[in-house]
Amino acid sequence: MNRMISLSILAAALTAGTAHAHDFWVQPDTFTPEDSGALLVSLFVGHGSDKSDWPLRPHRIVGFQSFGPEGQNNQARGAESLSGDLSVVLDEIGTHLILVETTNSFSELDADKFTSYVEDEGIRPIMLDRAANRAEDHPGKELYSRRGKALVQVGCPDEASDNWGKELGLTLEIVPGANPIDWNVGATMPINVHYHGVPVSGATLHITNLDDDTVHFSAETDVDGVVDISSSLTEGRWLVHTVWAEAADGLLEGADYQTIFSSLTFDTESPCPR
C-alpha cells in the first residue's frame, strides 16, 4: 500500500477562507493555566454567527481523555461528568493534550447543499467519487463523527516537552510540526494531517482566530501531507480544522461516505520566559 494518500498532487497554498458551519472544537477556559488542577472545557460547533455550544449528550461522547507528561488519563468519570460543564483535571506541570471524540451521526442533504458543503470543506475523496460515479445530482448521505484536540501548557515547566507533537492514533488527526506555544512571528508553523496514520495530500485546513472569528484563512497540505501556516498566523488563540472521508459499502442508514471532522486548538502566546 502506498504510504501516501494522494488524490491530487498540489502545491501548498494559502487562500482566503469562507465560513464553515461544520467546525467542531475543544476550547478550555485558558490554554495556559498557572498551576495544576481542574480546568473548565467548552465544546463548540459552527462558525461566526452560526457558532454555538455543542449539545452535550453523554451517549455521543466515546472518548474524553488527556495526555500529559506522565501519560494518558481518562477524564470521563461517569455519565455525570459528561453533562453540564465539562472539566479536566491536569495534575502535572507541563504540556497536555485534551481529546474529545464523538459517535457517528447520520446526515442527508439534497444534491446542491451536499455539493456546496463538500466544496466548502474541501473533502476531495467525496468530490472525486461523486464525479467518477456521475452522482453530483444525487442527495449526499454520510455517517460523520468528530475529534477535537486542545493543546494546554500548565505552568512553566523546567524542561521542554515534546508532548505537543504527540500523535494519538486518531482516524483523522492534525499534528503540529512545531510547538505552537513557543511560536514566534516569523518562525515556521508546519501542520501535518494524517488519515489512519498516513499523510494526506490535498487536505484543506480552515484556520480561525478564536478571539476574532472574522480572521480566518485556508491552507492545503502538500504531497507530504504538511503545510506551513505561519504567513497568516499571529499571536493569539487559534482553531485549525479539517475534514476527510472515504466511500464505503454497507454503512448504516445507507450512507455512502464515512466522514471525519478533526480539529486542534492552541494559544501561541506563552506566559513563560522563552
C-alpha atoms as a PDB file:
ATOM      1  CA  MET A   1       0.000   0.000   0.000  1.00  0.00           C
ATOM      2  CA  ASN A   2       1.316   3.430  -0.912  1.00  0.00           C
ATOM      3  CA  ARG A   3       2.238   5.274   2.261  1.00  0.00           C
ATOM      4  CA  MET A   4       0.842   8.488   0.819  1.00  0.00           C
ATOM      5  CA  ILE A   5      -2.829   9.225   0.354  1.00  0.00           C
ATOM      6  CA  SER A   6      -2.513  11.406  -2.725  1.00  0.00           C
ATOM      7  CA  LEU A   7      -5.731  12.064  -4.566  1.00  0.00           C
ATOM      8  CA  SER A   8      -4.276  15.186  -6.072  1.00  0.00           C
ATOM      9  CA  ILE A   9      -0.702  16.416  -6.337  1.00  0.00           C
ATOM     10  CA  LEU A  10      -0.958  20.069  -5.436  1.00  0.00           C
ATOM     11  CA  ALA A  11       1.446  22.593  -4.020  1.00  0.00           C
ATOM     12  CA  ALA A  12       0.636  24.002  -0.612  1.00  0.00           C
ATOM     13  CA  ALA A  13      -1.385  27.158  -0.921  1.00  0.00           C
ATOM     14  CA  LEU A  14      -2.961  29.734   1.351  1.00  0.00           C
ATOM     15  CA  THR A  15      -6.268  31.188   0.241  1.00  0.00           C
ATOM     16  CA  ALA A  16      -8.939  33.399   1.698  1.00  0.00           C
ATOM     17  CA  GLY A  17     -11.312  31.367   3.867  1.00  0.00           C
ATOM     18  CA  THR A  18     -15.084  31.105   3.906  1.00  0.00           C
ATOM     19  CA  ALA A  19     -17.411  30.335   6.791  1.00  0.00           C
ATOM     20  CA  HIS A  20     -17.578  26.676   7.779  1.00  0.00           C
ATOM     21  CA  ALA A  21     -20.684  25.756   9.721  1.00  0.00           C
ATOM     22  CA  HIS A  22     -19.394  22.262  10.494  1.00  0.00           C
ATOM     23  CA  ASP A  23     -16.406  23.325  12.614  1.00  0.00           C
ATOM     24  CA  PHE A  24     -16.148  21.450  15.938  1.00  0.00           C
ATOM     25  CA  TRP A  25     -13.567  22.196  18.593  1.00  0.00           C
ATOM     26  CA  VAL A  26     -12.462  21.904  22.201  1.00  0.00           C
ATOM     27  CA  GLN A  27     -11.827  25.223  23.966  1.00  0.00           C
ATOM     28  CA  PRO A  28     -10.557  25.321  27.560  1.00  0.00           C
ATOM     29  CA  ASP A  29     -11.084  28.420  29.709  1.00  0.00           C
ATOM     30  CA  THR A  30      -7.366  29.050  29.268  1.00  0.00           C
ATOM     31  CA  PHE A  31      -4.694  27.267  27.267  1.00  0.00           C
ATOM     32  CA  THR A  32      -2.033  28.301  29.789  1.00  0.00           C
ATOM     33  CA  PRO A  33      -3.245  27.732  33.379  1.00  0.00           C
ATOM     34  CA  GLU A  34      -0.734  28.867  36.002  1.00  0.00           C
ATOM     35  CA  ASP A  35      -0.948  25.697  38.057  1.00  0.00           C
ATOM     36  CA  SER A  36      -2.237  22.132  38.010  1.00  0.00           C
ATOM     37  CA  GLY A  37      -5.829  21.308  38.931  1.00  0.00           C
ATOM     38  CA  ALA A  38      -9.295  21.409  37.378  1.00  0.00           C
ATOM     39  CA  LEU A  39      -9.868  23.254  34.112  1.00  0.00           C
ATOM     40  CA  LEU A  40     -13.252  24.009  32.528  1.00  0.00           C
ATOM     41  CA  VAL A  41     -13.619  22.935  28.896  1.00  0.00           C
ATOM     42  CA  SER A  42     -16.232  24.017  26.331  1.00  0.00           C
ATOM     43  CA  LEU A  43     -17.237  22.269  23.106  1.00  0.00           C
ATOM     44  CA  PHE A  44     -18.300  24.435  20.177  1.00  0.00           C
ATOM     45  CA  VAL A  45     -19.707  23.858  16.719  1.00  0.00           C
ATOM     46  CA  GLY A  46     -20.266  26.256  13.823  1.00  0.00           C
ATOM     47  CA  HIS A  47     -18.579  29.439  12.696  1.00  0.00           C
ATOM     48  CA  GLY A  48     -19.132  33.164  13.143  1.00  0.00           C
ATOM     49  CA  SER A  49     -22.798  33.963  13.731  1.00  0.00           C
ATOM     50  CA  ASP A  50     -23.567  30.219  13.489  1.00  0.00           C
ATOM     51  CA  LYS A  51     -21.252  29.357  16.398  1.00  0.00           C
ATOM     52  CA  SER A  52     -22.937  27.662  19.357  1.00  0.00           C
ATOM     53  CA  ASP A  53     -22.268  25.296  22.219  1.00  0.00           C
ATOM     54  CA  TRP A  54     -22.210  21.696  21.029  1.00  0.00           C
ATOM     55  CA  PRO A  55     -25.208  19.926  22.627  1.00  0.00           C
ATOM     56  CA  LEU A  56     -23.544  17.787  25.279  1.00  0.00           C
ATOM     57  CA  ARG A  57     -25.080  14.316  25.483  1.00  0.00           C
ATOM     58  CA  PRO A  58     -23.161  11.589  27.335  1.00  0.00           C
ATOM     59  CA  HIS A  59     -24.056   8.903  24.783  1.00  0.00           C
ATOM     60  CA  ARG A  60     -22.481  10.984  21.990  1.00  0.00           C
ATOM     61  CA  ILE A  61     -19.025  11.070  23.598  1.00  0.00           C
ATOM     62  CA  VAL A  62     -16.907   7.945  23.140  1.00  0.00           C
ATOM     63  CA  GLY A  63     -13.619   9.448  24.313  1.00  0.00           C
ATOM     64  CA  PHE A  64     -12.712  12.206  26.792  1.00  0.00           C
ATOM     65  CA  GLN A  65      -9.062  11.972  27.731  1.00  0.00           C
ATOM     66  CA  SER A  66      -5.938  13.950  28.462  1.00  0.00           C
ATOM     67  CA  PHE A  67      -2.343  13.122  27.615  1.00  0.00           C
ATOM     68  CA  GLY A  68       0.252  14.720  29.877  1.00  0.00           C
ATOM     69  CA  PRO A  69       3.895  14.330  30.897  1.00  0.00           C
ATOM     70  CA  GLU A  70       3.073  11.181  32.867  1.00  0.00           C
ATOM     71  CA  GLY A  71       0.850   9.606  30.226  1.00  0.00           C
ATOM     72  CA  GLN A  72      -2.860   9.163  29.484  1.00  0.00           C
ATOM     73  CA  ASN A  73      -5.753   9.942  31.829  1.00  0.00           C
ATOM     74  CA  ASN A  74      -9.428   9.129  31.302  1.00  0.00           C
ATOM     75  CA  GLN A  75     -11.378  12.305  32.088  1.00  0.00           C
ATOM     76  CA  ALA A  76     -14.818  10.642  31.767  1.00  0.00           C
ATOM     77  CA  ARG A  77     -15.731   9.949  35.368  1.00  0.00           C
ATOM     78  CA  GLY A  78     -19.221   8.546  34.819  1.00  0.00           C
ATOM     79  CA  ALA A  79     -22.176   9.988  32.901  1.00  0.00           C
ATOM     80  CA  GLU A  80     -22.451  12.944  35.288  1.00  0.00           C
ATOM     81  CA  SER A  81     -19.003  14.151  34.199  1.00  0.00           C
ATOM     82  CA  LEU A  82     -20.226  14.313  30.588  1.00  0.00           C
ATOM     83  CA  SER A  83     -23.153  16.645  31.207  1.00  0.00           C
ATOM     84  CA  GLY A  84     -23.306  20.304  32.124  1.00  0.00           C
ATOM     85  CA  ASP A  85     -19.875  21.932  32.182  1.00  0.00           C
ATOM     86  CA  LEU A  86     -17.010  19.653  31.190  1.00  0.00           C
ATOM     87  CA  SER A  87     -13.856  19.806  33.250  1.00  0.00           C
ATOM     88  CA  VAL A  88     -10.498  18.096  33.131  1.00  0.00           C
ATOM     89  CA  VAL A  89      -8.068  17.550  35.968  1.00  0.00           C
ATOM     90  CA  LEU A  90      -4.484  18.202  34.895  1.00  0.00           C
ATOM     91  CA  ASP A  91      -2.266  17.153  37.783  1.00  0.00           C
ATOM     92  CA  GLU A  92       1.159  17.918  36.361  1.00  0.00           C
ATOM     93  CA  ILE A  93       3.128  20.944  35.280  1.00  0.00           C
ATOM     94  CA  GLY A  94       3.894  20.691  31.566  1.00  0.00           C
ATOM     95  CA  THR A  95       2.225  20.166  28.205  1.00  0.00           C
ATOM     96  CA  HIS A  96      -1.094  18.331  27.909  1.00  0.00           C
ATOM     97  CA  LEU A  97      -3.401  17.347  25.065  1.00  0.00           C
ATOM     98  CA  ILE A  98      -7.143  17.218  25.763  1.00  0.00           C
ATOM     99  CA  LEU A  99      -9.134  14.953  23.433  1.00  0.00           C
ATOM    100  CA  VAL A 100     -12.870  14.593  22.796  1.00  0.00           C
ATOM    101  CA  GLU A 101     -14.231  12.000  20.322  1.00  0.00           C
ATOM    102  CA  THR A 102     -17.877  11.557  19.311  1.00  0.00           C
ATOM    103  CA  THR A 103     -20.010   8.742  17.959  1.00  0.00           C
ATOM    104  CA  ASN A 104     -21.281   8.584  14.390  1.00  0.00           C
ATOM    105  CA  SER A 105     -24.322  10.566  13.295  1.00  0.00           C
ATOM    106  CA  PHE A 106     -26.212  10.282  10.016  1.00  0.00           C
ATOM    107  CA  SER A 107     -26.715  13.209   7.663  1.00  0.00           C
ATOM    108  CA  GLU A 108     -28.541  13.502   4.350  1.00  0.00           C
ATOM    109  CA  LEU A 109     -28.558  16.676   2.242  1.00  0.00           C
ATOM    110  CA  ASP A 110     -30.051  17.390  -1.152  1.00  0.00           C
ATOM    111  CA  ALA A 111     -27.616  17.410  -4.055  1.00  0.00           C
ATOM    112  CA  ASP A 112     -26.971  21.158  -4.199  1.00  0.00           C
ATOM    113  CA  LYS A 113     -26.470  21.572  -0.450  1.00  0.00           C
ATOM    114  CA  PHE A 114     -24.253  18.498  -0.247  1.00  0.00           C
ATOM    115  CA  THR A 115     -22.091  19.684  -3.144  1.00  0.00           C
ATOM    116  CA  SER A 116     -21.756  23.132  -1.574  1.00  0.00           C
ATOM    117  CA  TYR A 117     -20.778  21.652   1.801  1.00  0.00           C
ATOM    118  CA  VAL A 118     -18.226  19.269   0.258  1.00  0.00           C
ATOM    119  CA  GLU A 119     -16.647  22.052  -1.808  1.00  0.00           C
ATOM    120  CA  ASP A 120     -16.560  24.495   1.126  1.00  0.00           C
ATOM    121  CA  GLU A 121     -14.856  21.935   3.354  1.00  0.00           C
ATOM    122  CA  GLY A 122     -12.560  20.694   0.581  1.00  0.00           C
ATOM    123  CA  ILE A 123     -13.433  16.993   1.001  1.00  0.00           C
ATOM    124  CA  ARG A 124     -11.606  15.687  -2.062  1.00  0.00           C
ATOM    125  CA  PRO A 125     -12.474  11.982  -1.729  1.00  0.00           C
ATOM    126  CA  ILE A 126     -16.197  12.771  -1.917  1.00  0.00           C
ATOM    127  CA  MET A 127     -15.754  15.234  -4.789  1.00  0.00           C
ATOM    128  CA  LEU A 128     -13.833  12.681  -6.846  1.00  0.00           C
ATOM    129  CA  ASP A 129     -16.126   9.767  -6.012  1.00  0.00           C
ATOM    130  CA  ARG A 130     -19.299  11.635  -6.940  1.00  0.00           C
ATOM    131  CA  ALA A 131     -17.713  12.875 -10.171  1.00  0.00           C
ATOM    132  CA  ALA A 132     -16.464   9.393 -11.102  1.00  0.00           C
ATOM    133  CA  ASN A 133     -19.907   7.888 -10.486  1.00  0.00           C
ATOM    134  CA  ARG A 134     -21.801  10.819 -12.046  1.00  0.00           C
ATOM    135  CA  ALA A 135     -23.652  11.228  -8.779  1.00  0.00           C
ATOM    136  CA  GLU A 136     -23.434  15.016  -8.423  1.00  0.00           C
ATOM    137  CA  ASP A 137     -27.213  15.319  -8.800  1.00  0.00           C
ATOM    138  CA  HIS A 138     -27.911  12.708  -6.100  1.00  0.00           C
ATOM    139  CA  PRO A 139     -28.567  13.514  -2.427  1.00  0.00           C
ATOM    140  CA  GLY A 140     -25.493  13.142  -0.224  1.00  0.00           C
ATOM    141  CA  LYS A 141     -25.670  10.618   2.616  1.00  0.00           C
ATOM    142  CA  GLU A 142     -22.895  10.232   5.148  1.00  0.00           C
ATOM    143  CA  LEU A 143     -22.035   8.982   8.594  1.00  0.00           C
ATOM    144  CA  TYR A 144     -19.875  11.537  10.364  1.00  0.00           C
ATOM    145  CA  SER A 145     -18.001  11.742  13.642  1.00  0.00           C
ATOM    146  CA  ARG A 146     -15.759  14.322  15.253  1.00  0.00           C
ATOM    147  CA  ARG A 147     -12.402  14.529  17.002  1.00  0.00           C
ATOM    148  CA  GLY A 148     -11.232  17.638  18.833  1.00  0.00           C
ATOM    149  CA  LYS A 149      -7.847  18.222  20.488  1.00  0.00           C
ATOM    150  CA  ALA A 150      -6.707  21.167  22.604  1.00  0.00           C
ATOM    151  CA  LEU A 151      -3.074  21.872  23.467  1.00  0.00           C
ATOM    152  CA  VAL A 152      -2.649  23.161  27.024  1.00  0.00           C
ATOM    153  CA  GLN A 153       0.505  24.153  28.898  1.00  0.00           C
ATOM    154  CA  VAL A 154       0.204  24.049  32.680  1.00  0.00           C
ATOM    155  CA  GLY A 155       2.637  26.369  34.433  1.00  0.00           C
ATOM    156  CA  CYS A 156       6.188  26.880  33.195  1.00  0.00           C
ATOM    157  CA  PRO A 157       7.964  23.515  33.082  1.00  0.00           C
ATOM    158  CA  ASP A 158      11.695  23.425  33.868  1.00  0.00           C
ATOM    159  CA  GLU A 159      12.318  21.119  30.920  1.00  0.00           C
ATOM    160  CA  ALA A 160      10.840  21.339  27.433  1.00  0.00           C
ATOM    161  CA  SER A 161       8.344  18.627  26.498  1.00  0.00           C
ATOM    162  CA  ASP A 162       7.585  17.210  23.066  1.00  0.00           C
ATOM    163  CA  ASN A 163       4.067  16.219  24.122  1.00  0.00           C
ATOM    164  CA  TRP A 164       2.688  18.968  21.855  1.00  0.00           C
ATOM    165  CA  GLY A 165       3.599  16.814  18.826  1.00  0.00           C
ATOM    166  CA  LYS A 166       2.280  13.527  20.195  1.00  0.00           C
ATOM    167  CA  GLU A 167       0.209  11.571  17.679  1.00  0.00           C
ATOM    168  CA  LEU A 168      -2.762   9.952  19.410  1.00  0.00           C
ATOM    169  CA  GLY A 169      -3.663   7.482  16.656  1.00  0.00           C
ATOM    170  CA  LEU A 170      -6.926   9.180  15.658  1.00  0.00           C
ATOM    171  CA  THR A 171      -8.573   8.208  12.375  1.00  0.00           C
ATOM    172  CA  LEU A 172      -8.046  11.785  11.177  1.00  0.00           C
ATOM    173  CA  GLU A 173      -5.510  13.801  13.119  1.00  0.00           C
ATOM    174  CA  ILE A 174      -3.930  17.243  12.978  1.00  0.00           C
ATOM    175  CA  VAL A 175      -0.379  17.203  14.348  1.00  0.00           C
ATOM    176  CA  PRO A 176       1.738  20.366  14.678  1.00  0.00           C
ATOM    177  CA  GLY A 177       5.305  20.145  13.447  1.00  0.00           C
ATOM    178  CA  ALA A 178       6.490  22.764  15.951  1.00  0.00           C
ATOM    179  CA  ASN A 179       5.295  23.734  19.416  1.00  0.00           C
ATOM    180  CA  PRO A 180       2.586  26.407  18.933  1.00  0.00           C
ATOM    181  CA  ILE A 181       3.093  27.763  22.462  1.00  0.00           C
ATOM    182  CA  ASP A 182       6.743  28.514  21.650  1.00  0.00           C
ATOM    183  CA  TRP A 183       5.962  30.006  18.241  1.00  0.00           C
ATOM    184  CA  ASN A 184       7.228  33.478  17.358  1.00  0.00           C
ATOM    185  CA  VAL A 185       6.163  35.686  14.463  1.00  0.00           C
ATOM    186  CA  GLY A 186       8.498  34.966  11.557  1.00  0.00           C
ATOM    187  CA  ALA A 187       9.070  31.328  12.506  1.00  0.00           C
ATOM    188  CA  THR A 188       7.509  28.464  10.565  1.00  0.00           C
ATOM    189  CA  MET A 189       4.426  26.626  11.839  1.00  0.00           C
ATOM    190  CA  PRO A 190       4.099  23.354   9.916  1.00  0.00           C
ATOM    191  CA  ILE A 191       0.839  21.436  10.330  1.00  0.00           C
ATOM    192  CA  ASN A 192       0.575  17.740   9.429  1.00  0.00           C
ATOM    193  CA  VAL A 193      -2.648  15.906   8.546  1.00  0.00           C
ATOM    194  CA  HIS A 194      -2.791  12.115   8.909  1.00  0.00           C
ATOM    195  CA  TYR A 195      -5.605   9.712   7.982  1.00  0.00           C
ATOM    196  CA  HIS A 196      -5.199   6.244   9.508  1.00  0.00           C
ATOM    197  CA  GLY A 197      -1.634   7.333  10.279  1.00  0.00           C
ATOM    198  CA  VAL A 198      -0.862   8.160   6.637  1.00  0.00           C
ATOM    199  CA  PRO A 199      -0.010  11.719   5.469  1.00  0.00           C
ATOM    200  CA  VAL A 200      -2.871  13.256   3.495  1.00  0.00           C
ATOM    201  CA  SER A 201      -2.119  15.268   0.361  1.00  0.00           C
ATOM    202  CA  GLY A 202      -4.662  17.876  -0.701  1.00  0.00           C
ATOM    203  CA  ALA A 203      -6.476  18.221   2.646  1.00  0.00           C
ATOM    204  CA  THR A 204      -7.953  21.677   3.230  1.00  0.00           C
ATOM    205  CA  LEU A 205      -7.245  23.261   6.610  1.00  0.00           C
ATOM    206  CA  HIS A 206      -9.541  26.009   7.901  1.00  0.00           C
ATOM    207  CA  ILE A 207      -7.759  28.241  10.412  1.00  0.00           C
ATOM    208  CA  THR A 208      -9.733  30.673  12.602  1.00  0.00           C
ATOM    209  CA  ASN A 209      -8.713  33.153  15.290  1.00  0.00           C
ATOM    210  CA  LEU A 210     -10.720  32.211  18.386  1.00  0.00           C
ATOM    211  CA  ASP A 211     -10.705  35.786  19.681  1.00  0.00           C
ATOM    212  CA  ASP A 212     -11.939  37.263  16.392  1.00  0.00           C
ATOM    213  CA  ASP A 213     -13.521  34.724  14.050  1.00  0.00           C
ATOM    214  CA  THR A 214     -13.705  37.277  11.253  1.00  0.00           C
ATOM    215  CA  VAL A 215      -9.977  36.493  10.957  1.00  0.00           C
ATOM    216  CA  HIS A 216      -9.725  33.174   9.135  1.00  0.00           C
ATOM    217  CA  PHE A 217      -7.901  31.633   6.200  1.00  0.00           C
ATOM    218  CA  SER A 218      -7.428  28.312   4.435  1.00  0.00           C
ATOM    219  CA  ALA A 219      -4.382  26.212   3.620  1.00  0.00           C
ATOM    220  CA  GLU A 220      -3.876  22.990   1.659  1.00  0.00           C
ATOM    221  CA  THR A 221      -1.467  20.198   2.529  1.00  0.00           C
ATOM    222  CA  ASP A 222       1.275  19.352   0.041  1.00  0.00           C
ATOM    223  CA  VAL A 223       2.398  15.956  -1.270  1.00  0.00           C
ATOM    224  CA  ASP A 224       3.902  15.185   2.145  1.00  0.00           C
ATOM    225  CA  GLY A 225       0.664  15.948   3.979  1.00  0.00           C
ATOM    226  CA  VAL A 226       2.006  19.144   5.547  1.00  0.00           C
ATOM    227  CA  VAL A 227       1.517  22.895   5.159  1.00  0.00           C
ATOM    228  CA  ASP A 228       3.190  25.877   6.813  1.00  0.00           C
ATOM    229  CA  ILE A 229       0.504  28.268   8.092  1.00  0.00           C
ATOM    230  CA  SER A 230       2.877  30.845   9.585  1.00  0.00           C
ATOM    231  CA  SER A 231       2.458  33.529   6.914  1.00  0.00           C
ATOM    232  CA  SER A 232      -1.090  34.302   8.087  1.00  0.00           C
ATOM    233  CA  LEU A 233      -0.674  33.368  11.754  1.00  0.00           C
ATOM    234  CA  THR A 234      -0.432  35.925  14.560  1.00  0.00           C
ATOM    235  CA  GLU A 235      -0.067  35.682  18.316  1.00  0.00           C
ATOM    236  CA  GLY A 236      -3.271  34.535  19.980  1.00  0.00           C
ATOM    237  CA  ARG A 237      -5.672  31.616  20.244  1.00  0.00           C
ATOM    238  CA  TRP A 238      -6.346  29.577  17.114  1.00  0.00           C
ATOM    239  CA  LEU A 239      -8.516  26.786  15.731  1.00  0.00           C
ATOM    240  CA  VAL A 240      -7.246  24.500  12.946  1.00  0.00           C
ATOM    241  CA  HIS A 241      -9.946  22.310  11.401  1.00  0.00           C
ATOM    242  CA  THR A 242     -10.116  19.775   8.556  1.00  0.00           C
ATOM    243  CA  VAL A 243     -12.435  17.099   7.133  1.00  0.00           C
ATOM    244  CA  TRP A 244     -11.683  13.882   5.247  1.00  0.00           C
ATOM    245  CA  ALA A 245     -13.814  10.960   4.104  1.00  0.00           C
ATOM    246  CA  GLU A 246     -13.936   7.690   2.234  1.00  0.00           C
ATOM    247  CA  ALA A 247     -16.602   5.917   0.222  1.00  0.00           C
ATOM    248  CA  ALA A 248     -17.701   2.651   1.809  1.00  0.00           C
ATOM    249  CA  ASP A 249     -20.278  -0.065   1.244  1.00  0.00           C
ATOM    250  CA  GLY A 250     -22.605  -1.409   3.912  1.00  0.00           C
ATOM    251  CA  LEU A 251     -22.677   1.674   6.115  1.00  0.00           C
ATOM    252  CA  LEU A 252     -25.607   2.160   8.486  1.00  0.00           C
ATOM    253  CA  GLU A 253     -28.591   4.164   7.251  1.00  0.00           C
ATOM    254  CA  GLY A 254     -27.489   3.522   3.659  1.00  0.00           C
ATOM    255  CA  ALA A 255     -24.782   6.182   3.903  1.00  0.00           C
ATOM    256  CA  ASP A 256     -22.341   6.467   1.011  1.00  0.00           C
ATOM    257  CA  TYR A 257     -19.456   8.018   2.950  1.00  0.00           C
ATOM    258  CA  GLN A 258     -17.720   7.801   6.305  1.00  0.00           C
ATOM    259  CA  THR A 259     -16.678  11.365   7.145  1.00  0.00           C
ATOM    260  CA  ILE A 260     -14.356  12.514   9.925  1.00  0.00           C
ATOM    261  CA  PHE A 261     -14.084  16.063  11.287  1.00  0.00           C
ATOM    262  CA  SER A 262     -10.894  16.844  13.193  1.00  0.00           C
ATOM    263  CA  SER A 263      -9.591  19.962  14.938  1.00  0.00           C
ATOM    264  CA  LEU A 264      -6.730  21.308  17.019  1.00  0.00           C
ATOM    265  CA  THR A 265      -6.858  24.424  19.203  1.00  0.00           C
ATOM    266  CA  PHE A 266      -3.913  26.222  20.783  1.00  0.00           C
ATOM    267  CA  ASP A 267      -2.534  29.531  22.032  1.00  0.00           C
ATOM    268  CA  THR A 268       0.671  30.965  20.565  1.00  0.00           C
ATOM    269  CA  GLU A 269       1.162  33.387  23.481  1.00  0.00           C
ATOM    270  CA  SER A 270       3.120  31.728  26.268  1.00  0.00           C
ATOM    271  CA  PRO A 271       3.227  33.400  29.696  1.00  0.00           C
ATOM    272  CA  CYS A 272       6.590  31.747  30.331  1.00  0.00           C
ATOM    273  CA  PRO A 273      10.048  33.171  29.540  1.00  0.00           C
ATOM    274  CA  ARG A 274      11.365  31.940  26.187  1.00  0.00           C
END
